[in-house]
Protein backbone atom coordinates (compact mmCIF):
# COMPACT_ATOMS: atom_id res chain seq x y z
CA MET A 1 -2.51 23.68 -14.06
CA ILE A 2 -0.46 25.04 -16.96
CA LEU A 3 2.05 22.52 -18.32
CA SER A 4 5.51 23.53 -19.43
CA ASN A 5 6.62 22.56 -22.93
CA ASN A 6 9.10 20.11 -21.40
CA MET A 7 6.31 18.36 -19.49
CA LYS A 8 4.15 18.21 -22.61
CA ASP A 9 7.02 16.81 -24.67
CA LEU A 10 7.85 14.19 -22.05
CA PHE A 11 4.22 13.10 -21.85
CA ALA A 12 4.03 12.76 -25.65
CA LEU A 13 7.32 10.87 -25.70
CA SER A 14 6.00 8.39 -23.12
CA ILE A 15 3.14 7.21 -25.37
CA PRO A 16 4.27 4.28 -27.57
CA LEU A 17 4.09 4.80 -31.31
CA GLY A 18 0.92 3.31 -32.78
CA CYS A 19 -0.74 3.00 -29.37
CA ARG A 20 -4.40 2.13 -29.93
CA TYR A 21 -5.39 3.81 -26.65
CA VAL A 22 -3.80 7.17 -27.46
CA ASP A 23 -7.17 8.95 -27.19
CA LYS A 24 -7.69 7.53 -23.68
CA PHE A 25 -4.75 9.43 -22.15
CA PHE A 26 -5.35 12.57 -20.11
CA GLN A 27 -2.83 14.57 -18.13
CA LYS A 28 -3.70 15.64 -14.59
CA PRO A 29 -0.50 16.99 -13.04
CA GLU A 30 -2.35 18.01 -9.85
CA TYR A 31 -2.45 14.27 -9.10
CA ASP A 32 1.36 14.22 -8.92
CA HIS A 33 1.52 14.55 -5.13
CA LEU A 34 -1.82 12.82 -4.52
CA VAL A 35 -0.70 9.43 -5.87
CA THR A 36 1.89 9.41 -3.06
CA PHE A 37 1.55 9.27 0.73
CA ALA A 38 2.91 12.84 1.05
CA GLN A 39 -0.35 14.56 2.01
CA ASN A 40 -1.21 11.85 4.55
CA LYS A 41 1.99 12.51 6.49
CA THR A 42 0.36 15.63 7.98
CA THR A 43 -3.26 14.38 8.08
CA PRO A 44 -4.49 13.24 11.51
CA VAL A 45 -5.16 9.50 11.88
CA TYR A 46 -4.09 8.83 8.27
CA ASN A 47 -0.50 9.37 9.44
CA TRP A 48 -0.55 6.96 12.39
CA LEU A 49 1.64 4.55 10.42
CA TYR A 50 3.91 5.84 7.69
CA TYR A 51 3.25 3.81 4.55
CA LYS A 52 5.05 5.44 1.67
CA GLU A 53 3.51 3.15 -0.96
CA GLY A 54 0.03 4.53 -0.23
CA PHE A 55 -1.83 7.35 -1.95
CA SER A 56 -3.44 10.39 -0.33
CA ARG A 57 -6.91 11.06 1.03
CA ASP A 58 -7.71 13.82 -1.46
CA LEU A 59 -7.11 11.48 -4.40
CA VAL A 60 -9.93 9.28 -3.09
CA TRP A 61 -12.23 12.26 -2.68
CA ASP A 62 -11.44 13.57 -6.17
CA LEU A 63 -12.10 10.16 -7.75
CA LEU A 64 -15.38 9.75 -5.84
CA GLU A 65 -16.47 13.16 -7.13
CA ASP A 66 -15.47 12.12 -10.66
CA PHE A 67 -17.50 8.90 -10.27
CA LYS A 68 -20.47 10.93 -8.95
CA ALA A 69 -20.67 8.51 -6.04
CA THR A 70 -23.95 8.79 -4.14
CA ALA A 71 -25.02 8.01 -0.58
CA GLY A 72 -25.41 4.32 0.14
CA ALA A 73 -22.71 3.26 -2.31
CA THR A 74 -20.03 0.74 -1.33
CA VAL A 75 -16.38 1.27 -2.26
CA LEU A 76 -13.90 -1.63 -2.40
CA ASP A 77 -10.14 -1.49 -1.92
CA PRO A 78 -8.67 -5.00 -2.40
CA PHE A 79 -5.13 -3.71 -1.68
CA CYS A 80 -6.15 -1.48 1.20
CA GLY A 81 -2.70 -1.00 2.75
CA THR A 82 -3.16 1.10 5.87
CA GLY A 83 -6.72 2.13 5.05
CA THR A 84 -6.65 5.47 3.19
CA THR A 85 -9.56 4.59 0.88
CA LEU A 86 -11.64 3.31 3.79
CA LEU A 87 -10.99 6.32 6.02
CA ALA A 88 -11.67 8.78 3.20
CA CYS A 89 -14.94 7.04 2.32
CA ASN A 90 -16.07 7.00 5.94
CA GLU A 91 -15.46 10.74 6.25
CA VAL A 92 -17.90 11.43 3.40
CA GLY A 93 -20.45 8.83 4.48
CA LEU A 94 -19.79 6.04 1.97
CA ASN A 95 -19.60 2.37 2.93
CA SER A 96 -16.28 0.64 2.28
CA ILE A 97 -14.66 -2.79 2.29
CA GLY A 98 -10.93 -3.44 2.37
CA PHE A 99 -8.70 -6.48 1.98
CA ASP A 100 -4.98 -6.89 2.32
CA VAL A 101 -2.66 -9.89 2.45
CA LEU A 102 -0.37 -8.16 4.97
CA PRO A 103 -1.49 -8.40 8.62
CA LEU A 104 0.21 -5.05 9.22
CA GLY A 105 -2.10 -3.25 6.80
CA VAL A 106 -5.24 -4.93 8.12
CA PHE A 107 -4.29 -4.19 11.73
CA ALA A 108 -3.46 -0.54 10.99
CA SER A 109 -6.64 -0.05 8.95
CA LYS A 110 -8.88 -1.55 11.62
CA THR A 111 -7.27 0.52 14.35
CA LYS A 112 -7.56 3.78 12.40
CA LEU A 113 -11.24 3.05 11.74
CA GLN A 114 -12.09 2.34 15.39
CA ARG A 115 -14.55 4.80 16.89
CA ASP A 116 -16.50 5.50 20.06
CA TYR A 117 -13.55 5.21 22.42
CA ASP A 118 -14.13 5.75 26.11
CA MET A 119 -11.69 8.66 26.14
CA ASN A 120 -11.23 8.60 29.91
CA LYS A 121 -10.31 4.90 29.82
CA LEU A 122 -7.97 5.48 26.89
CA ARG A 123 -6.27 8.38 28.66
CA ASP A 124 -5.87 6.28 31.80
CA ALA A 125 -4.43 3.37 29.79
CA ILE A 126 -1.83 5.63 28.18
CA SER A 127 -0.88 7.05 31.59
CA TRP A 128 -0.63 3.56 33.08
CA LEU A 129 1.56 2.30 30.22
CA MET A 130 3.90 5.27 30.38
CA SER A 131 4.28 4.93 34.16
CA GLU A 132 5.23 1.24 34.06
CA LYS A 133 8.76 0.71 35.40
CA PHE A 134 11.07 -1.16 33.09
CA GLY A 135 11.96 -4.73 33.80
CA GLU A 136 13.29 -7.73 31.95
CA THR A 137 10.97 -9.62 29.63
CA SER A 138 11.12 -13.19 28.39
CA SER A 139 9.68 -12.18 25.00
CA ARG A 140 12.03 -11.88 22.07
CA MET A 141 11.63 -10.02 18.80
CA VAL A 142 10.99 -12.18 15.76
CA ASP A 143 14.23 -12.65 13.82
CA VAL A 144 13.39 -11.53 10.28
CA ARG A 145 16.59 -13.31 9.12
CA PHE A 146 17.53 -11.13 6.17
CA ILE A 147 18.86 -8.41 8.47
CA ASP A 148 20.97 -8.65 11.64
CA MET A 149 18.54 -7.72 14.42
CA ARG A 150 21.45 -7.12 16.82
CA LYS A 151 22.69 -4.38 14.53
CA ALA A 152 19.21 -3.12 13.73
CA PHE A 153 18.43 -2.48 17.40
CA SER A 154 20.45 -1.84 20.51
CA ARG A 155 19.95 -4.39 23.27
CA TYR A 156 18.10 -1.75 25.29
CA ALA A 157 15.73 -0.88 22.42
CA ARG A 158 14.93 -4.55 21.77
CA ASN A 159 14.17 -5.16 25.42
CA ASP A 160 12.12 -1.97 25.80
CA LEU A 161 10.02 -2.64 22.70
CA MET A 162 9.17 -6.15 23.89
CA PHE A 163 8.57 -4.91 27.45
CA PHE A 164 5.94 -2.47 26.22
CA ARG A 165 4.46 -5.06 23.88
CA ASP A 166 4.04 -7.48 26.79
CA ARG A 167 2.31 -4.83 28.88
CA ILE A 168 0.04 -3.76 26.02
CA MET A 169 -1.09 -7.32 25.35
CA ARG A 170 -2.41 -7.49 28.92
CA VAL A 171 -4.98 -4.76 28.22
CA GLU A 172 -8.45 -6.35 28.11
CA ASP A 173 -10.25 -3.68 26.08
CA GLU A 174 -9.52 -4.65 22.45
CA SER A 175 -9.90 -1.17 20.96
CA ILE A 176 -7.56 0.36 23.55
CA ARG A 177 -5.11 -2.52 23.17
CA ASN A 178 -5.03 -2.03 19.39
CA PHE A 179 -4.56 1.73 19.77
CA LEU A 180 -1.56 1.26 22.08
CA LEU A 181 -0.07 -1.50 19.94
CA LEU A 182 -0.30 0.54 16.74
CA GLY A 183 1.50 3.36 18.53
CA LEU A 184 4.27 0.93 19.43
CA VAL A 185 4.45 -0.61 15.95
CA SER A 186 4.65 2.85 14.37
CA ILE A 187 7.85 3.79 16.25
CA VAL A 188 9.79 0.58 15.54
CA THR A 189 11.83 2.06 12.70
CA GLU A 190 12.47 5.28 14.66
CA ALA A 191 13.81 3.19 17.54
CA SER A 192 16.14 1.24 15.26
CA ASN A 193 19.44 1.77 13.47
CA THR A 194 17.73 1.30 10.13
CA LYS A 195 16.12 3.31 7.37
CA LYS A 196 13.85 2.38 4.47
CA ASP A 197 15.82 3.09 1.31
CA GLY A 198 13.72 2.58 -1.80
CA GLY A 199 12.53 -0.99 -1.53
CA VAL A 200 14.97 -2.23 1.12
CA ILE A 201 15.93 -1.74 4.75
CA ARG A 202 19.48 -0.62 5.41
CA ILE A 203 21.52 -0.54 8.61
CA VAL A 204 22.61 3.04 9.28
CA SER A 205 24.39 4.81 12.07
CA LYS A 206 21.98 6.97 14.06
CA ARG A 207 23.35 9.20 16.76
CA HIS A 208 21.41 10.07 19.89
CA LEU A 209 18.45 7.77 19.31
CA PRO A 210 15.60 8.77 21.66
CA PRO A 211 14.60 6.12 24.21
CA VAL A 212 11.68 3.88 23.27
CA ARG A 213 9.61 5.27 26.14
CA GLU A 214 10.02 8.84 24.90
CA LEU A 215 9.18 7.90 21.30
CA LEU A 216 6.10 5.97 22.39
CA LYS A 217 4.92 8.70 24.75
CA ARG A 218 5.09 11.34 22.01
CA ARG A 219 3.35 9.10 19.49
CA LEU A 220 0.47 8.11 21.77
CA LYS A 221 -0.03 11.71 22.86
CA ARG A 222 -0.36 12.80 19.24
CA MET A 223 -2.65 9.90 18.33
CA PHE A 224 -4.90 10.68 21.30
CA LYS A 225 -5.20 14.32 20.19
CA ASP A 226 -5.97 13.20 16.62
CA LEU A 227 -9.15 11.50 17.75
CA ASP A 228 -10.73 14.95 18.13
CA ASP A 229 -9.60 16.07 14.67
CA VAL A 230 -11.05 13.40 12.38
CA LYS A 231 -14.62 13.34 11.13
CA ARG A 232 -16.55 10.09 11.62
CA THR A 233 -19.85 9.03 10.04
CA ASP A 234 -22.12 6.04 10.53
CA ALA A 235 -21.04 4.52 7.20
CA SER A 236 -19.78 0.95 7.50
CA ALA A 237 -16.08 0.17 7.03
CA ASP A 238 -14.99 -3.47 7.10
CA VAL A 239 -11.42 -4.75 6.78
CA TYR A 240 -10.35 -8.35 6.19
CA LEU A 241 -7.13 -10.29 5.86
CA GLY A 242 -7.49 -11.64 2.36
CA ASP A 243 -6.12 -12.05 -1.14
CA ALA A 244 -7.32 -9.71 -3.91
CA ARG A 245 -7.00 -12.64 -6.32
CA SER A 246 -9.75 -14.52 -4.47
CA LEU A 247 -12.19 -12.14 -2.79
CA THR A 248 -14.73 -13.41 -0.26
CA LEU A 249 -17.48 -11.18 -1.62
CA GLU A 250 -20.73 -11.90 -3.42
CA ASP A 251 -21.18 -11.19 -7.12
CA ASN A 252 -22.35 -7.68 -8.02
CA SER A 253 -21.99 -6.42 -4.46
CA VAL A 254 -19.86 -3.23 -4.74
CA ASP A 255 -20.35 0.02 -6.63
CA TYR A 256 -16.82 1.34 -6.95
CA CYS A 257 -13.21 0.37 -6.47
CA ILE A 258 -10.31 2.68 -5.62
CA THR A 259 -7.04 0.86 -5.10
CA SER A 260 -3.35 0.69 -5.85
CA PRO A 261 -1.95 -2.78 -6.52
CA PRO A 262 1.75 -3.32 -5.80
CA TYR A 263 3.93 -1.63 -8.40
CA LEU A 264 6.11 -3.79 -10.63
CA ASN A 265 9.28 -2.60 -8.92
CA TYR A 266 10.89 -5.57 -7.12
CA VAL A 267 9.67 -4.31 -3.73
CA ASP A 268 8.87 -7.08 -1.28
CA TYR A 269 6.61 -5.49 1.34
CA THR A 270 7.22 -8.33 3.78
CA LYS A 271 10.87 -7.25 3.83
CA LEU A 272 10.31 -3.51 3.66
CA TYR A 273 7.94 -3.65 6.66
CA ALA A 274 9.54 -6.66 8.34
CA LEU A 275 10.42 -4.78 11.52
CA GLU A 276 6.83 -3.63 11.98
CA LEU A 277 5.55 -7.11 11.12
CA SER A 278 7.93 -8.61 13.68
CA MET A 279 5.79 -7.01 16.39
CA LEU A 280 2.64 -8.73 15.09
CA LEU A 281 3.83 -12.18 13.96
CA LYS A 282 4.83 -15.15 16.10
CA ASN A 283 7.95 -16.33 14.26
CA SER A 284 10.08 -15.98 11.15
CA GLU A 285 8.30 -18.90 9.46
CA GLU A 286 5.09 -16.87 9.43
CA LEU A 287 6.93 -14.06 7.68
CA SER A 288 8.45 -16.46 5.13
CA ASN A 289 5.08 -18.06 4.38
CA LEU A 290 3.49 -14.64 4.05
CA ARG A 291 6.12 -13.62 1.48
CA LYS A 292 5.14 -16.51 -0.78
CA LYS A 293 1.49 -15.43 -0.74
CA THR A 294 2.09 -11.86 -1.87
CA MET A 295 1.40 -10.63 -5.38
CA ARG A 296 4.19 -11.46 -7.81
CA SER A 297 5.72 -8.00 -8.05
CA HIS A 298 9.02 -9.31 -6.65
CA VAL A 299 11.09 -12.48 -7.01
CA GLY A 300 10.27 -13.83 -3.53
CA ALA A 301 6.64 -14.63 -4.35
CA GLU A 302 5.72 -18.11 -5.60
CA TYR A 303 5.27 -18.45 -9.35
CA HIS A 304 2.49 -20.56 -10.86
CA LYS A 305 2.11 -20.40 -14.62
CA THR A 306 -1.47 -19.80 -15.74
CA GLU A 307 -1.20 -18.21 -19.22
CA ASN A 308 -4.47 -16.34 -18.88
CA VAL A 309 -3.34 -12.94 -20.20
CA ARG A 310 -4.11 -12.10 -23.81
CA SER A 311 -2.61 -8.71 -24.55
CA GLU A 312 -0.69 -7.60 -27.62
CA ASP A 313 1.30 -5.04 -25.62
CA PHE A 314 2.11 -7.66 -22.98
CA GLU A 315 3.30 -10.33 -25.42
CA ARG A 316 5.35 -7.81 -27.41
CA MET A 317 7.05 -6.63 -24.23
CA MET A 318 7.63 -10.22 -22.99
CA ARG A 319 9.35 -11.23 -26.23
CA VAL A 320 11.88 -8.42 -25.82
CA LEU A 321 12.34 -9.15 -22.12
CA GLU A 322 12.83 -12.91 -22.52
CA GLU A 323 15.32 -12.36 -25.33
CA ARG A 324 17.44 -9.80 -23.49
CA SER A 325 16.99 -10.62 -19.80
CA PRO A 326 16.87 -14.37 -19.18
CA GLY A 327 16.40 -15.60 -15.63
CA ASP A 328 13.98 -14.59 -12.88
CA LEU A 329 13.01 -11.18 -14.28
CA PRO A 330 10.73 -12.42 -17.11
CA LEU A 331 9.08 -14.87 -14.69
CA MET A 332 8.39 -12.05 -12.25
CA VAL A 333 6.89 -9.80 -14.92
CA ARG A 334 4.75 -12.58 -16.39
CA GLY A 335 3.61 -13.56 -12.90
CA TYR A 336 2.73 -9.94 -12.11
CA PHE A 337 0.35 -9.64 -15.03
CA GLU A 338 -1.11 -13.10 -14.53
CA ASP A 339 -1.89 -12.04 -10.95
CA SER A 340 -3.29 -8.79 -12.33
CA PHE A 341 -5.67 -10.79 -14.52
CA LEU A 342 -6.83 -12.72 -11.45
CA TYR A 343 -7.56 -9.71 -9.23
CA MET A 344 -9.15 -7.75 -12.08
CA SER A 345 -11.38 -10.73 -12.86
CA GLU A 346 -12.44 -10.71 -9.21
CA LEU A 347 -13.12 -6.97 -9.44
CA TYR A 348 -15.34 -7.56 -12.44
CA ARG A 349 -17.21 -10.34 -10.64
CA VAL A 350 -17.98 -8.39 -7.46
CA MET A 351 -18.72 -5.05 -9.12
CA LYS A 352 -22.24 -4.02 -10.07
CA ASN A 353 -23.09 -3.18 -13.67
CA GLY A 354 -22.27 0.47 -14.22
CA GLY A 355 -19.60 0.39 -11.51
CA THR A 356 -16.24 2.11 -11.90
CA ALA A 357 -12.76 1.02 -10.81
CA ALA A 358 -9.67 3.23 -10.46
CA LEU A 359 -6.26 1.54 -10.30
CA VAL A 360 -3.28 3.68 -9.29
CA VAL A 361 -0.24 2.17 -11.02
CA GLY A 362 3.31 3.00 -11.99
CA ASN A 363 5.04 1.88 -15.16
CA ALA A 364 8.32 0.02 -14.81
CA CYS A 365 11.65 0.89 -16.38
CA LEU A 366 13.59 -2.36 -16.71
CA PRO A 367 16.87 -2.95 -18.56
CA ASP A 368 16.16 -2.78 -22.31
CA VAL A 369 12.39 -2.45 -21.96
CA THR A 370 9.72 -0.17 -20.52
CA VAL A 371 6.72 -1.99 -19.09
CA ASP A 372 3.65 0.15 -19.76
CA VAL A 373 1.65 -1.26 -16.86
CA ASP A 374 -1.24 1.19 -17.36
CA LEU A 375 -1.68 0.21 -21.02
CA ILE A 376 -1.43 -3.52 -20.35
CA LEU A 377 -3.93 -3.34 -17.47
CA GLY A 378 -6.30 -1.43 -19.74
CA GLU A 379 -6.01 -4.17 -22.33
CA ILE A 380 -6.46 -6.92 -19.71
CA GLY A 381 -9.49 -5.08 -18.35
CA GLU A 382 -11.13 -5.07 -21.77
CA GLN A 383 -10.28 -8.77 -22.18
CA ILE A 384 -12.17 -9.44 -18.95
CA GLY A 385 -15.19 -7.32 -19.96
CA PHE A 386 -14.48 -3.83 -18.61
CA THR A 387 -14.47 -0.74 -20.79
CA LEU A 388 -11.30 1.33 -20.52
CA GLU A 389 -12.65 4.82 -19.85
CA LYS A 390 -9.39 6.70 -19.49
CA ILE A 391 -5.80 6.64 -18.29
CA VAL A 392 -5.20 9.70 -16.13
CA VAL A 393 -1.47 10.47 -16.10
CA ALA A 394 -0.35 11.95 -12.80
CA ASN A 395 3.29 12.40 -13.74
CA VAL A 396 5.94 11.42 -16.25
CA ARG A 397 9.56 11.10 -15.18
CA TRP A 398 12.81 10.18 -16.81
CA CYS A 399 13.94 6.69 -15.99
CA GLU A 400 17.57 6.02 -15.22
CA VAL A 401 19.00 2.57 -15.95
CA GLY A 402 22.49 1.93 -14.69
CA SER A 403 24.73 4.81 -15.70
CA ILE A 404 22.38 6.02 -18.46
CA ARG A 405 20.52 9.14 -17.37
CA LYS A 406 17.22 10.16 -18.93
CA GLU A 407 17.02 6.99 -20.98
CA ARG A 408 13.23 6.64 -21.19
CA PRO A 409 10.16 8.37 -19.75
CA VAL A 410 7.84 6.39 -17.46
CA ARG A 411 4.34 7.27 -16.34
CA GLU A 412 2.45 7.04 -13.07
CA SER A 413 -1.24 6.83 -13.83
CA VAL A 414 -4.78 6.10 -12.69
CA VAL A 415 -6.42 3.51 -14.92
CA VAL A 416 -10.21 3.99 -14.91
CA LEU A 417 -12.37 1.01 -15.94
CA LYS A 418 -16.15 0.77 -16.30
CA LYS A 419 -18.27 -2.34 -16.00
């Protein structure tokens, strides 16, 4: 792809003066749309649950080709989200292992990876569910607390969602039950008076909301058709509820890693996907406890000082941040990189010698300081024992802070590390 002079200038402007990794930077603008979920929105099975923080299938395939991954290799994604890495690996016959701290991601990943359905039984189950006559249900949606559920859903939508959930949970066949439940979970936002706006959920006025039954019927019909459109192989694909900072894997057990840790952008996924999680959790306390366990990319996670990061770029940035922005922000940023040290140390432990890891990350534009996440992770990786092979820059955009437009450029990159 030919770069315009403006793009070249912006890329050059984004590299800090005196950066010791300047020769590690490479531009790959064709990654611009691949580091987002955009492609997956129209890809069968990958699009069963919209997860805008994910990356696209073709990014995984391009990285695997770059790694020269061979048959029999195992690919790890410790922040697997809704399973893009795992699905993409399975399609090309590579084994994969995924972890995520969010039950929503683990559930969605497992359901997408299910195979060998009895299609007649699945078709009959969908027909049965759609023919069930509405009635009252004693089940109640989990109150996520930070948003008024009575405004988020009409009384009819709340009742209908829980009615279908009750019926689905009676299905004995686990794979069919999961398929139906994912269909229901995936329409929760559509059935509500809410929208995801950046990193938050907002109450909005939606006119002529389709009934829950109609939304669910359309979704299950499309999902059923998708089962004929996705390629499956015999490669293994395992998904676990777990923390990337403490992986339950043996040393030297994986060949590659393709993942995207949470961006340093204040987004609390337990809030952003709270409505979907409300269909899977038992009560609001579970949601609150889950929030504390997430990676410290937002102020709701618990902070434990460890002081394990030794990075010149990190300490230089923290001095500016602590001087100009006292309060929770410096704690969040320090916690984010301390957590990054922990999960990258785990990556190093479980990866075989010669293995390669690709981390899709976005730099953060905070008041008074740009956090070059890609550079700092490269430096942390080398502290741990990795070699920083390259930083592939997918895009560079102007950052806007407050009323100041085009204040600073920020990068979105793929950090490639070699053990």
